[in-house]
Amino acid sequence: MERWTARWGGMWIILLKSSSDEAWAWSGMEPDAAEQSFAAAYPSLHRHFRGFEPALRQREDHGTNWWELRPCSYYSAFDRAKIVYPEITWRPQFAFDRTGLVCNNTAYVLPAEEIGLLAAEIKDCERHAGEAVNAAYGLTAQEARLIWETAPPRMPGE
C-alpha cells in the first residue's frame, strides 16, 4: 500500500466465509457430507487445506467447518468503495479502493459509499492521524511542517 494508492501485490487471500454467513453448496450439511461437497466444488483448495487440517481444526476462530473462516459482519465492506490504511506507518497513509481488494490484519478499511464524502474523509482522517502523531511526539505545527518539507520522499533502502 502506498500513499493514496492501494495496488494489488500479486498475492491472493483465500476468503472462505463461514457457511453461517455464506450460502455454500455444503451449508447446512453434516460435517462429513459438507467436506465431500467442499472437495467436489473446490478440489484444489480442499487438497491445499488438507495439508493444514490439524492446525485449522484446532483454531478457535474457524467457521462452521474447519476449512472456513470465522463468521464476520464486515466482509461486505471489502466489496464496496473504501479507504484502506496500514496498521503501522511512519506517516498518515490512506488509499482509496473500489476494486474489491481484501487486506489481511496489517491494514484496515473504512467504508466510503459516496466518492464526494471520500475526499473529506481522507483529509479528515489524515489530519487527525497527523495531529495524533504530532501530539505523541510533542511537535508544534511548525516543527511538523518542517519535518514534512525536509523528509526524503522514500525511506532509505526502499
Protein backbone atom coordinates (compact mmCIF):
# COMPACT_ATOMS: atom_id res chain seq x y z
CA MET A 1 0.00 0.00 0.00
CA GLU A 2 1.33 3.38 -0.96
CA ARG A 3 0.09 6.81 -0.06
CA TRP A 4 -3.15 7.42 -1.99
CA THR A 5 -2.84 4.10 -3.84
CA ALA A 6 -3.82 0.53 -2.99
CA ARG A 7 -2.22 -1.68 -5.62
CA TRP A 8 -2.66 -5.42 -5.84
CA GLY A 9 0.61 -7.03 -4.76
CA GLY A 10 0.11 -10.17 -6.87
CA MET A 11 -0.85 -12.22 -3.82
CA TRP A 12 -4.13 -13.93 -3.11
CA ILE A 13 -6.14 -14.27 0.07
CA ILE A 14 -8.38 -17.31 0.22
CA LEU A 15 -11.60 -15.90 1.62
CA LEU A 16 -13.79 -18.86 2.51
CA LYS A 17 -16.52 -17.31 4.60
CA SER A 18 -18.28 -19.35 7.24
CA SER A 19 -21.30 -21.20 5.93
CA SER A 20 -23.22 -19.36 8.64
CA ASP A 21 -22.57 -16.17 6.57
CA GLU A 22 -22.44 -17.56 3.02
CA ALA A 23 -24.72 -19.96 1.17
CA TRP A 24 -22.17 -22.56 0.05
CA ALA A 25 -23.15 -25.85 -1.56
CA TRP A 26 -22.27 -27.57 1.75
CA SER A 27 -24.19 -25.15 4.01
CA GLY A 28 -26.39 -26.99 6.47
CA MET A 29 -24.85 -30.42 5.78
CA GLU A 30 -23.41 -32.77 8.36
CA PRO A 31 -19.59 -32.40 8.65
CA ASP A 32 -18.59 -35.42 6.51
CA ALA A 33 -21.09 -34.61 3.75
CA ALA A 34 -20.08 -30.93 3.91
CA GLU A 35 -16.42 -31.80 3.40
CA GLN A 36 -17.25 -34.07 0.45
CA SER A 37 -19.28 -31.24 -1.09
CA PHE A 38 -16.43 -28.76 -0.49
CA ALA A 39 -13.92 -31.20 -2.05
CA ALA A 40 -16.16 -31.66 -5.10
CA ALA A 41 -16.78 -27.93 -5.54
CA TYR A 42 -13.18 -26.76 -4.90
CA PRO A 43 -10.83 -29.75 -5.26
CA SER A 44 -7.57 -27.75 -5.38
CA LEU A 45 -8.49 -25.70 -2.30
CA HIS A 46 -9.53 -28.84 -0.45
CA ARG A 47 -6.19 -30.51 -1.29
CA HIS A 48 -4.32 -27.37 -0.22
CA PHE A 49 -6.20 -27.07 3.08
CA ARG A 50 -5.78 -30.77 3.89
CA GLY A 51 -2.09 -30.05 4.43
CA PHE A 52 -3.05 -27.67 7.22
CA GLU A 53 -6.05 -29.61 8.55
CA PRO A 54 -4.76 -30.38 12.08
CA ALA A 55 -3.92 -26.71 12.73
CA LEU A 56 -7.12 -25.50 11.07
CA ARG A 57 -9.23 -27.84 13.20
CA GLN A 58 -7.56 -26.58 16.38
CA ARG A 59 -8.31 -22.91 15.68
CA GLU A 60 -10.88 -21.39 17.98
CA ASP A 61 -11.94 -18.93 15.29
CA HIS A 62 -12.93 -21.21 12.40
CA GLY A 63 -16.35 -21.15 10.82
CA THR A 64 -18.99 -23.84 10.83
CA ASN A 65 -16.45 -26.18 9.20
CA TRP A 66 -12.72 -26.46 9.83
CA TRP A 67 -11.76 -25.00 6.42
CA GLU A 68 -13.90 -21.88 6.77
CA LEU A 69 -13.10 -18.51 8.30
CA ARG A 70 -14.97 -17.36 11.37
CA PRO A 71 -18.30 -15.56 10.96
CA CYS A 72 -17.73 -11.89 10.22
CA SER A 73 -20.14 -9.00 9.86
CA TYR A 74 -17.88 -6.77 7.74
CA TYR A 75 -16.87 -8.96 4.75
CA SER A 76 -19.13 -6.86 2.52
CA ALA A 77 -17.02 -3.78 3.31
CA PHE A 78 -14.27 -5.22 1.10
CA ASP A 79 -16.63 -5.35 -1.90
CA ARG A 80 -17.56 -1.67 -1.67
CA ALA A 81 -15.65 1.58 -2.08
CA LYS A 82 -13.37 2.00 0.90
CA ILE A 83 -10.46 3.86 2.40
CA VAL A 84 -7.58 1.50 3.21
CA TYR A 85 -4.82 2.32 5.65
CA PRO A 86 -1.91 0.31 7.13
CA GLU A 87 -1.67 -0.73 10.75
CA ILE A 88 1.86 0.63 11.08
CA THR A 89 3.25 3.54 9.09
CA TRP A 90 5.71 6.35 9.60
CA ARG A 91 3.22 8.96 8.30
CA PRO A 92 -0.51 9.23 7.61
CA GLN A 93 -1.09 6.96 4.62
CA PHE A 94 -4.56 6.40 3.19
CA ALA A 95 -5.68 5.00 -0.15
CA PHE A 96 -8.99 4.63 -1.93
CA ASP A 97 -10.05 1.28 -3.36
CA ARG A 98 -13.15 0.40 -5.31
CA THR A 99 -11.82 -2.79 -6.93
CA GLY A 100 -12.75 -5.23 -4.16
CA LEU A 101 -9.26 -5.70 -2.77
CA VAL A 102 -9.15 -7.63 0.50
CA CYS A 103 -6.50 -6.96 3.11
CA ASN A 104 -5.20 -9.03 5.98
CA ASN A 105 -4.76 -7.94 9.58
CA THR A 106 -1.95 -5.49 8.78
CA ALA A 107 -4.37 -2.99 7.24
CA TYR A 108 -7.81 -1.62 7.96
CA VAL A 109 -10.73 -0.36 5.90
CA LEU A 110 -13.23 2.46 6.30
CA PRO A 111 -16.32 2.13 4.10
CA ALA A 112 -16.71 5.13 1.81
CA GLU A 113 -20.01 4.76 -0.06
CA GLU A 114 -20.01 8.12 -1.74
CA ILE A 115 -16.98 9.46 -3.52
CA GLY A 116 -17.97 13.01 -2.61
CA LEU A 117 -17.58 12.13 1.06
CA LEU A 118 -14.36 10.26 0.40
CA ALA A 119 -12.13 13.29 -0.09
CA ALA A 120 -13.42 14.84 3.12
CA GLU A 121 -12.99 11.55 4.99
CA ILE A 122 -9.42 11.04 3.77
CA LYS A 123 -8.49 14.63 4.55
CA ASP A 124 -10.13 14.43 7.98
CA CYS A 125 -8.52 11.05 8.81
CA GLU A 126 -5.12 12.22 7.66
CA ARG A 127 -5.44 15.46 9.65
CA HIS A 128 -6.48 13.62 12.82
CA ALA A 129 -3.78 10.98 12.41
CA GLY A 130 -1.18 13.66 11.79
CA GLU A 131 -2.33 15.61 14.85
CA ALA A 132 -2.17 12.46 16.99
CA VAL A 133 1.37 11.65 15.84
CA ASN A 134 2.47 15.25 16.36
CA ALA A 135 0.93 15.30 19.84
CA ALA A 136 2.55 11.97 20.75
CA TYR A 137 5.97 13.38 19.85
CA GLY A 138 5.24 16.82 21.29
CA LEU A 139 5.72 18.57 17.95
CA THR A 140 4.38 22.02 17.25
CA ALA A 141 2.63 22.64 13.94
CA GLN A 142 5.73 24.50 12.73
CA GLU A 143 8.05 21.59 13.66
CA ALA A 144 5.76 19.06 11.98
CA ARG A 145 5.59 21.15 8.79
CA LEU A 146 9.41 21.38 8.77
CA ILE A 147 9.68 17.58 9.04
CA TRP A 148 7.29 17.04 6.10
CA GLU A 149 9.05 19.67 3.97
CA THR A 150 12.51 18.19 4.56
CA ALA A 151 11.71 14.47 4.77
CA PRO A 152 13.01 12.29 1.94
CA PRO A 153 10.29 11.13 -0.45
CA ARG A 154 11.17 7.48 0.29
CA MET A 155 12.77 5.79 3.24
CA PRO A 156 16.41 4.69 2.73
CA GLY A 157 16.60 1.20 1.30
CA GLU A 158 13.15 1.33 -0.36
